[in-house]
Amino acid sequence: MKIPTKGRYAVSAMMDLAIHDKIKPLTIAEIAEKQNISLSYLEQLFAVLRKNNLVRGTRGPGGGYRLAQVADSITIAQIIRSVDVTVVERQDEVDEYLPYVLWAELSRKMYQFLDGITLAACVDHPDVRERIEGQMQPVAMAANGAIDGAVAAA
């Protein structure tokens, strides 16, 4: 079973926020560039995430978005449900057509499973940690190079 695009993008963006939450707020433009997601599409998702109290924004220089709750209290299913209304609708409208009942039950089971996985658990997964560290090294090296260049110029 495939998670809807809105849900996948929202989870990816929320993981980005969780990774950087203690460092700095992220702008939607930064997330859009990193995740290769359309800026306007991401703005729509963030409006819904904000409405559902999953993210909070800060205006002005140095502003951006942060998690509205601790990563341990946000589940993957909660993120997906917040942006994909059809998930809720499908679960509420079970008719007696057998294939529909089967898919509705499978969907319920999948969301029960995803309700047991927090954003913090995803970010702390060893494979994710390895990727994060790999992405952070070029940033740190570039920052160190800029600092070294500024020191040499002074």
C-alpha atoms as a PDB file:
ATOM      1  CA  MET A   1       0.000   0.000   0.000  1.00  0.00           C
ATOM      2  CA  LYS A   2       1.307   3.426  -0.919  1.00  0.00           C
ATOM      3  CA  ILE A   3       1.145   6.506   1.308  1.00  0.00           C
ATOM      4  CA  PRO A   4      -0.398   9.492  -0.524  1.00  0.00           C
ATOM      5  CA  THR A   5       2.009  12.097  -1.930  1.00  0.00           C
ATOM      6  CA  LYS A   6       0.760  14.771   0.469  1.00  0.00           C
ATOM      7  CA  GLY A   7       1.498  12.472   3.387  1.00  0.00           C
ATOM      8  CA  ARG A   8       4.980  11.555   2.135  1.00  0.00           C
ATOM      9  CA  TYR A   9       5.899  15.199   1.576  1.00  0.00           C
ATOM     10  CA  ALA A  10       4.505  16.231   4.963  1.00  0.00           C
ATOM     11  CA  VAL A  11       6.434  13.479   6.763  1.00  0.00           C
ATOM     12  CA  SER A  12       9.660  14.438   4.928  1.00  0.00           C
ATOM     13  CA  ALA A  13       9.212  18.108   5.823  1.00  0.00           C
ATOM     14  CA  MET A  14       8.405  17.277   9.446  1.00  0.00           C
ATOM     15  CA  MET A  15      11.514  15.074   9.658  1.00  0.00           C
ATOM     16  CA  ASP A  16      13.562  18.010   8.391  1.00  0.00           C
ATOM     17  CA  LEU A  17      12.055  20.202  11.115  1.00  0.00           C
ATOM     18  CA  ALA A  18      12.699  17.539  13.766  1.00  0.00           C
ATOM     19  CA  ILE A  19      16.350  17.241  12.698  1.00  0.00           C
ATOM     20  CA  HIS A  20      16.915  21.002  12.868  1.00  0.00           C
ATOM     21  CA  ASP A  21      14.508  21.819  15.710  1.00  0.00           C
ATOM     22  CA  LYS A  22      17.205  22.502  18.310  1.00  0.00           C
ATOM     23  CA  ILE A  23      19.478  24.250  15.807  1.00  0.00           C
ATOM     24  CA  LYS A  24      17.272  26.802  14.051  1.00  0.00           C
ATOM     25  CA  PRO A  25      13.881  27.292  12.450  1.00  0.00           C
ATOM     26  CA  LEU A  26      13.674  26.314   8.783  1.00  0.00           C
ATOM     27  CA  THR A  27      11.963  28.333   6.099  1.00  0.00           C
ATOM     28  CA  ILE A  28       9.593  26.655   3.695  1.00  0.00           C
ATOM     29  CA  ALA A  29      11.987  27.629   0.890  1.00  0.00           C
ATOM     30  CA  GLU A  30      14.864  25.755   2.598  1.00  0.00           C
ATOM     31  CA  ILE A  31      12.732  22.652   3.035  1.00  0.00           C
ATOM     32  CA  ALA A  32      11.402  22.880  -0.536  1.00  0.00           C
ATOM     33  CA  GLU A  33      14.942  23.040  -1.905  1.00  0.00           C
ATOM     34  CA  LYS A  34      16.261  20.187   0.261  1.00  0.00           C
ATOM     35  CA  GLN A  35      13.290  17.923  -0.366  1.00  0.00           C
ATOM     36  CA  ASN A  36      12.844  18.956  -4.021  1.00  0.00           C
ATOM     37  CA  ILE A  37       9.190  19.858  -3.412  1.00  0.00           C
ATOM     38  CA  SER A  38       7.341  22.727  -5.070  1.00  0.00           C
ATOM     39  CA  LEU A  39       7.367  25.799  -2.813  1.00  0.00           C
ATOM     40  CA  SER A  40       3.675  26.556  -3.399  1.00  0.00           C
ATOM     41  CA  TYR A  41       2.709  22.935  -2.698  1.00  0.00           C
ATOM     42  CA  LEU A  42       4.727  22.957   0.524  1.00  0.00           C
ATOM     43  CA  GLU A  43       3.125  26.260   1.578  1.00  0.00           C
ATOM     44  CA  GLN A  44      -0.293  24.605   1.268  1.00  0.00           C
ATOM     45  CA  LEU A  45       0.848  21.636   3.356  1.00  0.00           C
ATOM     46  CA  PHE A  46       2.310  23.897   6.040  1.00  0.00           C
ATOM     47  CA  ALA A  47      -0.929  25.849   6.296  1.00  0.00           C
ATOM     48  CA  VAL A  48      -2.671  22.579   7.174  1.00  0.00           C
ATOM     49  CA  LEU A  49       0.135  21.401   9.473  1.00  0.00           C
ATOM     50  CA  ARG A  50      -0.024  24.737  11.301  1.00  0.00           C
ATOM     51  CA  LYS A  51      -3.813  24.515  11.589  1.00  0.00           C
ATOM     52  CA  ASN A  52      -3.430  21.033  13.104  1.00  0.00           C
ATOM     53  CA  ASN A  53      -0.875  22.320  15.644  1.00  0.00           C
ATOM     54  CA  LEU A  54       2.017  20.272  14.262  1.00  0.00           C
ATOM     55  CA  VAL A  55       4.223  23.236  13.265  1.00  0.00           C
ATOM     56  CA  ARG A  56       4.537  26.822  14.415  1.00  0.00           C
ATOM     57  CA  GLY A  57       5.998  29.719  12.497  1.00  0.00           C
ATOM     58  CA  THR A  58       8.151  32.651  13.525  1.00  0.00           C
ATOM     59  CA  ARG A  59       8.184  35.792  11.387  1.00  0.00           C
ATOM     60  CA  GLY A  60      11.066  38.092  10.622  1.00  0.00           C
ATOM     61  CA  PRO A  61      14.807  37.654  10.136  1.00  0.00           C
ATOM     62  CA  GLY A  62      15.923  34.278  11.418  1.00  0.00           C
ATOM     63  CA  GLY A  63      12.315  33.121  11.321  1.00  0.00           C
ATOM     64  CA  GLY A  64      10.864  29.985   9.877  1.00  0.00           C
ATOM     65  CA  TYR A  65       9.097  26.898  11.146  1.00  0.00           C
ATOM     66  CA  ARG A  66       9.660  24.604  14.104  1.00  0.00           C
ATOM     67  CA  LEU A  67       7.725  21.676  15.503  1.00  0.00           C
ATOM     68  CA  ALA A  68       4.754  22.791  17.593  1.00  0.00           C
ATOM     69  CA  GLN A  69       5.127  19.708  19.815  1.00  0.00           C
ATOM     70  CA  VAL A  70       8.038  17.521  20.842  1.00  0.00           C
ATOM     71  CA  ALA A  71       8.956  14.959  18.198  1.00  0.00           C
ATOM     72  CA  ASP A  72       8.180  12.125  20.638  1.00  0.00           C
ATOM     73  CA  SER A  73       4.519  13.110  20.707  1.00  0.00           C
ATOM     74  CA  ILE A  74       3.931  13.383  16.942  1.00  0.00           C
ATOM     75  CA  THR A  75       3.145  10.154  15.116  1.00  0.00           C
ATOM     76  CA  ILE A  76       3.625   9.496  11.433  1.00  0.00           C
ATOM     77  CA  ALA A  77      -0.079   8.642  11.094  1.00  0.00           C
ATOM     78  CA  GLN A  78      -1.000  11.959  12.740  1.00  0.00           C
ATOM     79  CA  ILE A  79       1.048  13.852  10.134  1.00  0.00           C
ATOM     80  CA  ILE A  80      -0.466  11.927   7.211  1.00  0.00           C
ATOM     81  CA  ARG A  81      -4.018  12.251   8.526  1.00  0.00           C
ATOM     82  CA  SER A  82      -3.599  15.989   9.012  1.00  0.00           C
ATOM     83  CA  VAL A  83      -2.807  16.622   5.338  1.00  0.00           C
ATOM     84  CA  ASP A  84      -4.825  13.880   3.623  1.00  0.00           C
ATOM     85  CA  VAL A  85      -8.523  14.323   4.289  1.00  0.00           C
ATOM     86  CA  THR A  86      -9.404  11.373   2.078  1.00  0.00           C
ATOM     87  CA  VAL A  87      -7.877   8.990   4.637  1.00  0.00           C
ATOM     88  CA  VAL A  88     -10.410  10.096   7.234  1.00  0.00           C
ATOM     89  CA  GLU A  89     -13.260  10.061   4.713  1.00  0.00           C
ATOM     90  CA  ARG A  90     -12.456   6.544   3.530  1.00  0.00           C
ATOM     91  CA  GLN A  91     -12.400   5.220   7.070  1.00  0.00           C
ATOM     92  CA  ASP A  92     -15.786   6.794   7.842  1.00  0.00           C
ATOM     93  CA  GLU A  93     -17.584   5.590   4.707  1.00  0.00           C
ATOM     94  CA  VAL A  94     -17.303   1.794   4.807  1.00  0.00           C
ATOM     95  CA  ASP A  95     -20.008   0.240   2.668  1.00  0.00           C
ATOM     96  CA  GLU A  96     -20.725  -3.420   2.178  1.00  0.00           C
ATOM     97  CA  TYR A  97     -18.863  -3.795  -1.111  1.00  0.00           C
ATOM     98  CA  LEU A  98     -16.349  -6.538  -0.220  1.00  0.00           C
ATOM     99  CA  PRO A  99     -13.171  -5.158  -1.881  1.00  0.00           C
ATOM    100  CA  TYR A 100     -13.867  -1.759  -0.315  1.00  0.00           C
ATOM    101  CA  VAL A 101     -14.284  -3.329   3.126  1.00  0.00           C
ATOM    102  CA  LEU A 102     -11.010  -5.224   2.652  1.00  0.00           C
ATOM    103  CA  TRP A 103      -9.068  -2.081   1.606  1.00  0.00           C
ATOM    104  CA  ALA A 104     -10.666  -0.008   4.368  1.00  0.00           C
ATOM    105  CA  GLU A 105      -9.604  -2.596   6.963  1.00  0.00           C
ATOM    106  CA  LEU A 106      -6.082  -2.763   5.528  1.00  0.00           C
ATOM    107  CA  SER A 107      -5.884   1.029   5.634  1.00  0.00           C
ATOM    108  CA  ARG A 108      -7.014   1.053   9.284  1.00  0.00           C
ATOM    109  CA  LYS A 109      -4.330  -1.490  10.176  1.00  0.00           C
ATOM    110  CA  MET A 110      -1.662   0.527   8.384  1.00  0.00           C
ATOM    111  CA  TYR A 111      -2.633   3.696  10.271  1.00  0.00           C
ATOM    112  CA  GLN A 112      -2.700   1.805  13.568  1.00  0.00           C
ATOM    113  CA  PHE A 113       0.859   0.713  12.821  1.00  0.00           C
ATOM    114  CA  LEU A 114       1.919   4.256  11.855  1.00  0.00           C
ATOM    115  CA  ASP A 115       0.312   5.610  15.038  1.00  0.00           C
ATOM    116  CA  GLY A 116       2.956   3.639  16.920  1.00  0.00           C
ATOM    117  CA  ILE A 117       5.874   5.341  15.141  1.00  0.00           C
ATOM    118  CA  THR A 118       6.871   8.798  16.323  1.00  0.00           C
ATOM    119  CA  LEU A 119       8.718  11.460  14.409  1.00  0.00           C
ATOM    120  CA  ALA A 120      11.546  11.167  16.960  1.00  0.00           C
ATOM    121  CA  ALA A 121      11.847   7.419  16.280  1.00  0.00           C
ATOM    122  CA  CYS A 122      12.159   8.087  12.548  1.00  0.00           C
ATOM    123  CA  VAL A 123      14.856  10.718  13.020  1.00  0.00           C
ATOM    124  CA  ASP A 124      16.749   8.452  15.443  1.00  0.00           C
ATOM    125  CA  HIS A 125      16.743   5.478  13.046  1.00  0.00           C
ATOM    126  CA  PRO A 126      20.393   4.494  12.269  1.00  0.00           C
ATOM    127  CA  ASP A 127      19.942   4.792   8.467  1.00  0.00           C
ATOM    128  CA  VAL A 128      18.388   8.251   8.834  1.00  0.00           C
ATOM    129  CA  ARG A 129      21.123   9.330  11.295  1.00  0.00           C
ATOM    130  CA  GLU A 130      23.796   8.247   8.801  1.00  0.00           C
ATOM    131  CA  ARG A 131      22.196  10.315   6.030  1.00  0.00           C
ATOM    132  CA  ILE A 132      21.766  13.323   8.306  1.00  0.00           C
ATOM    133  CA  GLU A 133      25.430  13.215   9.305  1.00  0.00           C
ATOM    134  CA  GLY A 134      26.417  12.902   5.651  1.00  0.00           C
ATOM    135  CA  GLN A 135      24.330  15.946   4.748  1.00  0.00           C
ATOM    136  CA  MET A 136      25.622  17.975   7.688  1.00  0.00           C
ATOM    137  CA  GLN A 137      29.322  17.363   6.905  1.00  0.00           C
ATOM    138  CA  PRO A 138      29.373  19.415   3.663  1.00  0.00           C
ATOM    139  CA  VAL A 139      27.552  22.236   5.478  1.00  0.00           C
ATOM    140  CA  ALA A 140      30.066  22.153   8.344  1.00  0.00           C
ATOM    141  CA  MET A 141      32.997  21.946   5.911  1.00  0.00           C
ATOM    142  CA  ALA A 142      31.671  24.907   3.903  1.00  0.00           C
ATOM    143  CA  ALA A 143      31.184  26.903   7.105  1.00  0.00           C
ATOM    144  CA  ASN A 144      34.708  26.035   8.256  1.00  0.00           C
ATOM    145  CA  GLY A 145      36.093  27.002   4.832  1.00  0.00           C
ATOM    146  CA  ALA A 146      34.312  30.364   5.018  1.00  0.00           C
ATOM    147  CA  ILE A 147      35.683  30.913   8.512  1.00  0.00           C
ATOM    148  CA  ASP A 148      39.209  29.908   7.429  1.00  0.00           C
ATOM    149  CA  GLY A 149      38.949  32.236   4.418  1.00  0.00           C
ATOM    150  CA  ALA A 150      37.765  35.112   6.592  1.00  0.00           C
ATOM    151  CA  VAL A 151      40.602  34.530   9.079  1.00  0.00           C
ATOM    152  CA  ALA A 152      43.179  34.375   6.274  1.00  0.00           C
ATOM    153  CA  ALA A 153      41.822  37.596   4.757  1.00  0.00           C
ATOM    154  CA  ALA A 154      42.038  39.413   8.105  1.00  0.00           C
END
